[in-house]
Amino acid sequence: MGNFRRVPVGIVGASGYGGVQLVRLLMEHPEVELVYLGGESSTGKSFGDLYPHLAHAVNLPIETVEPEMIAHRCEVVFLSLPNGLACQIAPKLVEKGCKVLDLSADYRFSDLATYTTWYGTERSDRSTAATAVYGLPELYRDRIAEAQIVGCPGCYPTASLLALSPLLKQGLIVPETAIVDAKSGTSGGGRQAKVNLLLAEADNSLAPYNVTRHRHTPEIEQICSDLAGHEVTIQFTPHLIPMVRGILATVYATLRDPGLVRDDLITIYTAFYRNCPWVKICDSGVYPQTKWASGSNLCYIGLEVDPRTGRVIVMSAIDNLIKGQAGQAIQCLNLMMGWDETLGLPKLGFYP
């Protein structure tokens, strides 16, 4: 026990909701020591200035973002930055030998042309991007374990892909018929002030947004295409719902075999996720609620078949800030370090 050493970890972009979740979870992780918090807009402030409820537990300042200094102090770096910024920092950290987990979209795409089309940023880090692994452990566990840089999935893609993966991988649906209808709490929009996230705007209302053009669409399609073995187009529509955290994705698709019933699919999904401790398949006739997952790294999946239409309906509930963001990043870290996949992550949610 006298030789026990915690792995030094840093977070760049610690002031947002993703950052504060990372801080909370890493402070309680038995194998790491949080040694660096970085940010541009809040440099010089203490973390307790930004989040007073954590002042007694986190005695770290927000420091300038200098890759050389970060790499000298940290073995692992989480990048919780707006899209287009991680790709400026990550190559330097990777070159210095750090393991990097990016929570933005910068390292999610195998084809950078797709990233540029949807996010508008030209990239000069192609060699780094080529080594990045998509950080959805339930699909790419072995690749993540060998990776030096991981592009952690978005919150909507996490919920949507966990719902769709068994259907596509086993050829159970006509892929082009897949429709993803998803609802997210307001924390998905970040901590910056936005008019549509004001209480007076968002409360007592349910609103679709970025219809046909949400940036998570090509991310979902990329992984669906990989699973199906050919290019797949998905209809994805997100909605803002007046709650703080949680995502419910409801997926509809036409079954190839109209004879499949609900219990068949429950058996298939249970087998598909048998080695996935964070995915829970609901019993027959039970449908998930976002409150079940709140505060945990769990994904609850419910299944139904409509014999009238020949469609399967898959319902997937996650906490957008945990399994949809910070928790999943730490799940990937555990795999990269050879630790138990569940280490340091909340197994039960807040209820009610």
Protein backbone atom coordinates (compact mmCIF):
# COMPACT_ATOMS: atom_id res chain seq x y z
CA MET A 1 0.00 0.00 0.00
CA GLY A 2 2.93 2.33 0.58
CA ASN A 3 3.69 2.42 -3.17
CA PHE A 4 0.16 3.42 -4.22
CA ARG A 5 0.21 6.32 -6.67
CA ARG A 6 -2.79 8.13 -8.03
CA VAL A 7 -2.71 9.12 -11.70
CA PRO A 8 -2.49 12.93 -12.12
CA VAL A 9 -5.43 14.23 -14.15
CA GLY A 10 -6.35 17.64 -15.55
CA ILE A 11 -9.46 19.25 -17.01
CA VAL A 12 -9.37 21.99 -19.64
CA GLY A 13 -12.72 23.77 -19.63
CA ALA A 14 -13.71 23.08 -16.05
CA SER A 15 -16.22 25.90 -15.68
CA GLY A 16 -19.11 24.43 -17.70
CA TYR A 17 -21.66 21.80 -16.71
CA GLY A 18 -19.57 19.02 -18.26
CA GLY A 19 -16.53 20.31 -16.40
CA VAL A 20 -18.19 20.45 -13.00
CA GLN A 21 -19.52 16.90 -13.44
CA LEU A 22 -15.99 15.75 -14.27
CA VAL A 23 -14.64 17.50 -11.16
CA ARG A 24 -17.24 15.86 -8.92
CA LEU A 25 -16.68 12.38 -10.34
CA LEU A 26 -12.88 12.56 -10.49
CA MET A 27 -12.68 13.83 -6.90
CA GLU A 28 -14.33 10.56 -5.84
CA HIS A 29 -12.39 8.28 -8.22
CA PRO A 30 -10.04 6.00 -6.22
CA GLU A 31 -7.25 5.86 -8.83
CA VAL A 32 -6.78 9.50 -9.88
CA GLU A 33 -5.73 12.82 -8.40
CA LEU A 34 -7.16 16.01 -9.89
CA VAL A 35 -4.15 18.35 -10.19
CA TYR A 36 -5.09 20.92 -12.84
CA LEU A 37 -8.15 22.93 -13.88
CA GLY A 38 -7.84 25.15 -16.95
CA GLY A 39 -9.95 27.79 -18.65
CA GLU A 40 -9.67 31.07 -20.51
CA SER A 41 -12.62 33.16 -19.36
CA SER A 42 -12.22 32.35 -15.65
CA THR A 43 -8.40 32.23 -15.34
CA GLY A 44 -7.21 33.32 -11.91
CA LYS A 45 -10.44 32.53 -10.10
CA SER A 46 -10.71 29.64 -7.70
CA PHE A 47 -13.03 26.81 -8.67
CA GLY A 48 -15.00 27.63 -5.52
CA ASP A 49 -15.73 31.09 -6.95
CA LEU A 50 -17.51 29.45 -9.87
CA TYR A 51 -19.22 26.71 -7.85
CA PRO A 52 -19.44 27.79 -4.18
CA HIS A 53 -21.06 24.51 -3.13
CA LEU A 54 -17.76 22.74 -3.97
CA ALA A 55 -15.42 25.28 -2.34
CA HIS A 56 -14.91 23.07 0.72
CA ALA A 57 -13.88 20.09 -1.42
CA VAL A 58 -11.99 21.54 -4.40
CA ASN A 59 -9.08 23.81 -3.55
CA LEU A 60 -7.79 24.44 -7.07
CA PRO A 61 -7.51 27.65 -9.13
CA ILE A 62 -8.50 27.99 -12.77
CA GLU A 63 -5.18 28.28 -14.62
CA THR A 64 -4.12 29.36 -18.08
CA VAL A 65 -4.24 26.78 -20.86
CA GLU A 66 -0.61 26.01 -21.74
CA PRO A 67 -0.23 22.53 -23.28
CA GLU A 68 3.46 22.20 -22.33
CA MET A 69 2.72 22.91 -18.68
CA ILE A 70 -0.38 20.70 -18.66
CA ALA A 71 1.54 17.77 -20.17
CA HIS A 72 4.29 18.19 -17.59
CA ARG A 73 1.82 17.90 -14.71
CA CYS A 74 -0.85 15.51 -16.06
CA GLU A 75 -0.85 12.00 -17.48
CA VAL A 76 -4.51 12.24 -18.48
CA VAL A 77 -6.31 15.35 -19.78
CA PHE A 78 -10.04 15.84 -20.28
CA LEU A 79 -10.96 18.54 -22.81
CA SER A 80 -14.40 19.97 -22.02
CA LEU A 81 -14.34 22.83 -24.51
CA PRO A 82 -16.58 24.33 -27.20
CA ASN A 83 -16.32 22.65 -30.61
CA GLY A 84 -13.26 23.73 -32.60
CA LEU A 85 -10.93 24.35 -29.65
CA ALA A 86 -9.85 20.86 -28.60
CA CYS A 87 -8.28 20.24 -32.02
CA GLN A 88 -5.88 23.12 -31.34
CA ILE A 89 -4.67 21.66 -28.03
CA ALA A 90 -4.97 17.87 -28.31
CA PRO A 91 -2.13 17.28 -30.84
CA LYS A 92 0.39 18.91 -28.49
CA LEU A 93 -0.83 16.87 -25.52
CA VAL A 94 -0.75 13.62 -27.52
CA GLU A 95 2.76 14.42 -28.76
CA LYS A 96 3.87 14.84 -25.13
CA GLY A 97 2.47 11.40 -24.23
CA CYS A 98 -0.76 12.37 -22.47
CA LYS A 99 -3.92 10.31 -22.75
CA VAL A 100 -6.62 12.69 -24.01
CA LEU A 101 -10.41 12.46 -23.70
CA ASP A 102 -12.25 15.08 -25.73
CA LEU A 103 -15.86 15.82 -24.82
CA SER A 104 -16.47 18.08 -27.84
CA ALA A 105 -17.20 16.94 -31.40
CA ASP A 106 -13.63 17.50 -32.65
CA TYR A 107 -12.49 13.86 -32.52
CA ARG A 108 -15.76 12.00 -33.11
CA PHE A 109 -15.53 11.83 -36.91
CA SER A 110 -13.48 9.44 -39.02
CA ASP A 111 -14.03 11.74 -42.01
CA LEU A 112 -12.95 15.31 -41.20
CA ALA A 113 -14.77 16.60 -44.29
CA THR A 114 -18.03 15.67 -42.55
CA TYR A 115 -16.91 17.55 -39.43
CA THR A 116 -16.05 20.65 -41.48
CA THR A 117 -19.38 20.53 -43.33
CA TRP A 118 -21.41 20.45 -40.11
CA TYR A 119 -19.19 22.44 -37.74
CA GLY A 120 -17.57 24.91 -40.16
CA THR A 121 -13.98 24.50 -38.93
CA GLU A 122 -11.10 23.57 -41.23
CA ARG A 123 -8.71 21.11 -39.60
CA SER A 124 -4.93 20.90 -39.66
CA ASP A 125 -4.59 17.97 -37.24
CA ARG A 126 -5.37 15.07 -39.55
CA SER A 127 -2.68 12.77 -38.18
CA THR A 128 -3.99 13.16 -34.62
CA ALA A 129 -7.62 12.79 -35.72
CA ALA A 130 -6.74 9.59 -37.60
CA THR A 131 -5.70 7.93 -34.33
CA ALA A 132 -8.82 8.98 -32.36
CA VAL A 133 -11.31 6.31 -31.27
CA TYR A 134 -15.04 6.93 -30.88
CA GLY A 135 -15.74 6.67 -27.17
CA LEU A 136 -18.87 4.55 -26.93
CA PRO A 137 -17.63 1.64 -24.77
CA GLU A 138 -20.61 -0.60 -25.45
CA LEU A 139 -19.54 -0.76 -29.11
CA TYR A 140 -15.81 -0.01 -29.18
CA ARG A 141 -14.50 -1.22 -25.82
CA ASP A 142 -11.40 -2.95 -27.22
CA ARG A 143 -10.39 0.00 -29.40
CA ILE A 144 -10.81 2.45 -26.51
CA ALA A 145 -8.57 0.29 -24.31
CA GLU A 146 -5.73 0.71 -26.83
CA ALA A 147 -6.32 4.40 -27.64
CA GLN A 148 -4.32 7.45 -26.67
CA ILE A 149 -7.03 9.91 -27.74
CA VAL A 150 -10.78 9.31 -27.49
CA GLY A 151 -13.58 11.41 -28.96
CA CYS A 152 -16.39 11.03 -26.44
CA PRO A 153 -19.89 10.86 -28.00
CA GLY A 154 -22.53 13.53 -27.78
CA CYS A 155 -25.46 13.11 -25.42
CA TYR A 156 -28.12 12.54 -28.10
CA PRO A 157 -25.94 10.07 -30.06
CA THR A 158 -25.25 8.08 -26.88
CA ALA A 159 -28.95 7.57 -26.13
CA SER A 160 -29.85 7.04 -29.80
CA LEU A 161 -27.03 4.63 -30.67
CA LEU A 162 -27.52 2.44 -27.61
CA ALA A 163 -31.15 2.10 -28.72
CA LEU A 164 -30.30 1.37 -32.37
CA SER A 165 -27.12 -0.71 -32.21
CA PRO A 166 -28.54 -4.24 -31.73
CA LEU A 167 -31.09 -3.65 -34.50
CA LEU A 168 -28.48 -2.52 -37.01
CA LYS A 169 -25.70 -4.91 -36.03
CA GLN A 170 -27.99 -7.91 -36.43
CA GLY A 171 -29.85 -6.64 -39.51
CA LEU A 172 -33.24 -6.65 -37.80
CA ILE A 173 -34.57 -3.41 -39.33
CA VAL A 174 -34.69 -1.60 -42.65
CA PRO A 175 -32.07 1.03 -41.72
CA GLU A 176 -33.49 3.87 -43.84
CA THR A 177 -36.78 3.70 -41.93
CA ALA A 178 -35.17 4.62 -38.60
CA ILE A 179 -36.51 7.75 -36.93
CA VAL A 180 -35.05 9.16 -33.71
CA ASP A 181 -37.31 11.45 -31.70
CA ALA A 182 -35.38 12.77 -28.68
CA LYS A 183 -36.01 15.14 -25.77
CA SER A 184 -33.33 16.77 -23.63
CA GLY A 185 -33.25 18.84 -20.47
CA THR A 186 -31.89 22.39 -20.57
CA SER A 187 -28.46 21.54 -19.11
CA GLY A 188 -27.63 20.09 -22.52
CA GLY A 189 -27.43 23.67 -23.76
CA GLY A 190 -24.54 24.50 -21.40
CA ARG A 191 -24.05 27.17 -18.74
CA GLN A 192 -23.78 30.20 -21.01
CA ALA A 193 -26.82 32.49 -21.00
CA LYS A 194 -29.16 31.82 -23.92
CA VAL A 195 -32.61 33.31 -24.44
CA ASN A 196 -34.30 29.98 -25.23
CA LEU A 197 -32.97 28.51 -21.97
CA LEU A 198 -34.40 31.24 -19.73
CA LEU A 199 -36.99 29.93 -17.28
CA ALA A 200 -39.64 32.22 -18.79
CA GLU A 201 -38.95 30.81 -22.26
CA ALA A 202 -38.40 27.11 -21.55
CA ASP A 203 -40.82 26.42 -18.69
CA ASN A 204 -44.32 25.10 -19.48
CA SER A 205 -43.24 24.50 -23.08
CA LEU A 206 -41.88 21.73 -25.28
CA ALA A 207 -40.00 22.84 -28.40
CA PRO A 208 -38.32 21.11 -31.34
CA TYR A 209 -35.12 22.77 -32.55
CA ASN A 210 -32.52 22.43 -35.31
CA VAL A 211 -34.96 20.21 -37.20
CA THR A 212 -33.14 18.35 -40.05
CA ARG A 213 -29.88 20.15 -39.23
CA HIS A 214 -28.81 19.21 -35.71
CA ARG A 215 -25.05 18.59 -35.57
CA HIS A 216 -25.47 15.24 -33.85
CA THR A 217 -27.15 13.85 -37.00
CA PRO A 218 -23.95 12.98 -38.91
CA GLU A 219 -22.44 11.50 -35.75
CA ILE A 220 -25.41 9.15 -35.35
CA GLU A 221 -25.31 8.30 -39.07
CA GLN A 222 -21.56 7.56 -39.02
CA ILE A 223 -21.90 4.89 -36.33
CA CYS A 224 -25.15 3.49 -37.77
CA SER A 225 -23.38 3.11 -41.13
CA ASP A 226 -20.48 1.33 -39.44
CA LEU A 227 -22.87 -1.08 -37.73
CA ALA A 228 -25.01 -1.72 -40.82
CA GLY A 229 -22.02 -2.14 -43.14
CA HIS A 230 -23.30 0.47 -45.61
CA GLU A 231 -24.20 4.16 -45.62
CA VAL A 232 -27.29 4.88 -43.54
CA THR A 233 -29.38 8.05 -43.34
CA ILE A 234 -31.30 8.69 -40.12
CA GLN A 235 -34.17 11.08 -39.41
CA PHE A 236 -33.29 12.83 -36.13
CA THR A 237 -35.36 15.49 -34.38
CA PRO A 238 -34.34 16.91 -30.98
CA HIS A 239 -36.63 18.72 -28.55
CA LEU A 240 -36.00 20.94 -25.54
CA ILE A 241 -38.06 19.92 -22.52
CA PRO A 242 -38.48 21.97 -19.32
CA MET A 243 -36.34 19.92 -16.95
CA VAL A 244 -32.69 20.30 -15.97
CA ARG A 245 -31.16 16.94 -16.86
CA GLY A 246 -32.00 13.82 -18.78
CA ILE A 247 -32.55 12.57 -22.33
CA LEU A 248 -35.26 10.27 -23.61
CA ALA A 249 -34.72 9.02 -27.16
CA THR A 250 -37.58 7.15 -28.80
CA VAL A 251 -36.55 5.25 -31.93
CA TYR A 252 -38.95 3.89 -34.57
CA ALA A 253 -38.00 1.52 -37.40
CA THR A 254 -39.58 -1.07 -39.68
CA LEU A 255 -38.71 -4.68 -38.81
CA ARG A 256 -37.42 -6.97 -41.57
CA ASP A 257 -39.20 -9.88 -39.89
CA PRO A 258 -42.77 -8.87 -38.99
CA GLY A 259 -43.04 -12.02 -36.88
CA LEU A 260 -40.69 -10.70 -34.18
CA VAL A 261 -42.43 -9.88 -30.90
CA ARG A 262 -41.42 -7.82 -27.88
CA ASP A 263 -40.02 -10.71 -25.87
CA ASP A 264 -37.82 -11.74 -28.83
CA LEU A 265 -36.26 -8.27 -28.86
CA ILE A 266 -35.79 -8.21 -25.09
CA THR A 267 -33.85 -11.48 -25.42
CA ILE A 268 -31.77 -10.06 -28.29
CA TYR A 269 -30.97 -6.82 -26.46
CA THR A 270 -30.16 -8.60 -23.21
CA ALA A 271 -27.69 -10.83 -25.05
CA PHE A 272 -26.18 -7.92 -27.01
CA TYR A 273 -25.50 -5.92 -23.83
CA ARG A 274 -24.70 -8.89 -21.57
CA ASN A 275 -21.17 -7.58 -20.86
CA CYS A 276 -22.22 -3.93 -20.54
CA PRO A 277 -22.70 -3.03 -16.86
CA TRP A 278 -24.19 0.40 -17.61
CA VAL A 279 -27.03 -0.72 -19.91
CA LYS A 280 -30.19 -2.06 -18.30
CA ILE A 281 -32.91 -3.67 -20.43
CA CYS A 282 -36.39 -3.18 -18.98
CA ASP A 283 -38.76 -6.06 -18.43
CA SER A 284 -41.64 -6.69 -20.80
CA GLY A 285 -44.16 -3.84 -20.69
CA VAL A 286 -41.85 -1.54 -18.69
CA TYR A 287 -40.76 1.72 -20.32
CA PRO A 288 -37.88 3.88 -19.01
CA GLN A 289 -38.12 7.33 -17.48
CA THR A 290 -35.36 9.95 -17.38
CA LYS A 291 -35.68 10.23 -13.59
CA TRP A 292 -34.48 6.66 -13.21
CA ALA A 293 -31.10 7.54 -14.75
CA SER A 294 -30.66 10.98 -13.16
CA GLY A 295 -27.28 11.25 -11.46
CA SER A 296 -26.07 7.84 -12.65
CA ASN A 297 -24.06 6.48 -15.58
CA LEU A 298 -26.87 4.09 -16.48
CA CYS A 299 -28.84 3.78 -19.71
CA TYR A 300 -32.29 2.22 -19.42
CA ILE A 301 -33.78 0.69 -22.57
CA GLY A 302 -37.40 -0.32 -23.07
CA LEU A 303 -38.79 -2.19 -26.09
CA GLU A 304 -42.10 -2.59 -27.86
CA VAL A 305 -43.34 -3.97 -31.17
CA ASP A 306 -46.44 -2.70 -32.97
CA PRO A 307 -47.82 -5.63 -35.00
CA ARG A 308 -50.21 -3.28 -36.86
CA THR A 309 -47.40 -1.24 -38.39
CA GLY A 310 -44.58 -3.78 -38.28
CA ARG A 311 -42.41 -1.32 -36.40
CA VAL A 312 -40.17 -1.66 -33.38
CA ILE A 313 -40.18 1.13 -30.80
CA VAL A 314 -37.06 1.46 -28.64
CA MET A 315 -36.97 3.92 -25.71
CA SER A 316 -33.62 4.93 -24.22
CA ALA A 317 -33.18 7.09 -21.09
CA ILE A 318 -29.89 8.56 -19.82
CA ASP A 319 -28.59 11.42 -17.73
CA ASN A 320 -27.23 13.76 -20.41
CA LEU A 321 -24.46 15.06 -18.14
CA ILE A 322 -23.30 11.64 -16.85
CA LYS A 323 -23.70 8.79 -19.39
CA GLY A 324 -24.19 11.47 -22.05
CA GLN A 325 -21.02 13.35 -21.13
CA ALA A 326 -18.71 13.27 -18.08
CA GLY A 327 -19.51 9.78 -16.80
CA GLN A 328 -18.99 8.18 -20.18
CA ALA A 329 -15.64 9.98 -20.51
CA ILE A 330 -14.53 8.46 -17.19
CA GLN A 331 -15.87 5.07 -18.32
CA CYS A 332 -13.52 5.43 -21.31
CA LEU A 333 -10.64 6.48 -19.03
CA ASN A 334 -11.15 3.33 -16.96
CA LEU A 335 -10.82 1.21 -20.11
CA MET A 336 -7.75 3.13 -21.33
CA MET A 337 -6.03 2.57 -17.98
CA GLY A 338 -6.99 -1.10 -17.68
CA TRP A 339 -9.23 -0.47 -14.68
CA ASP A 340 -12.70 -1.85 -13.96
CA GLU A 341 -15.16 -0.10 -16.28
CA THR A 342 -17.42 0.90 -13.38
CA LEU A 343 -14.70 2.42 -11.18
CA GLY A 344 -15.58 5.77 -9.62
CA LEU A 345 -18.94 6.05 -11.38
CA PRO A 346 -22.40 6.39 -9.78
CA LYS A 347 -24.32 3.13 -10.08
CA LEU A 348 -27.62 4.45 -8.72
CA GLY A 349 -29.47 7.63 -9.63
CA PHE A 350 -31.12 10.33 -7.53
CA TYR A 351 -34.76 9.43 -6.89
CA PRO A 352 -37.29 10.93 -6.77
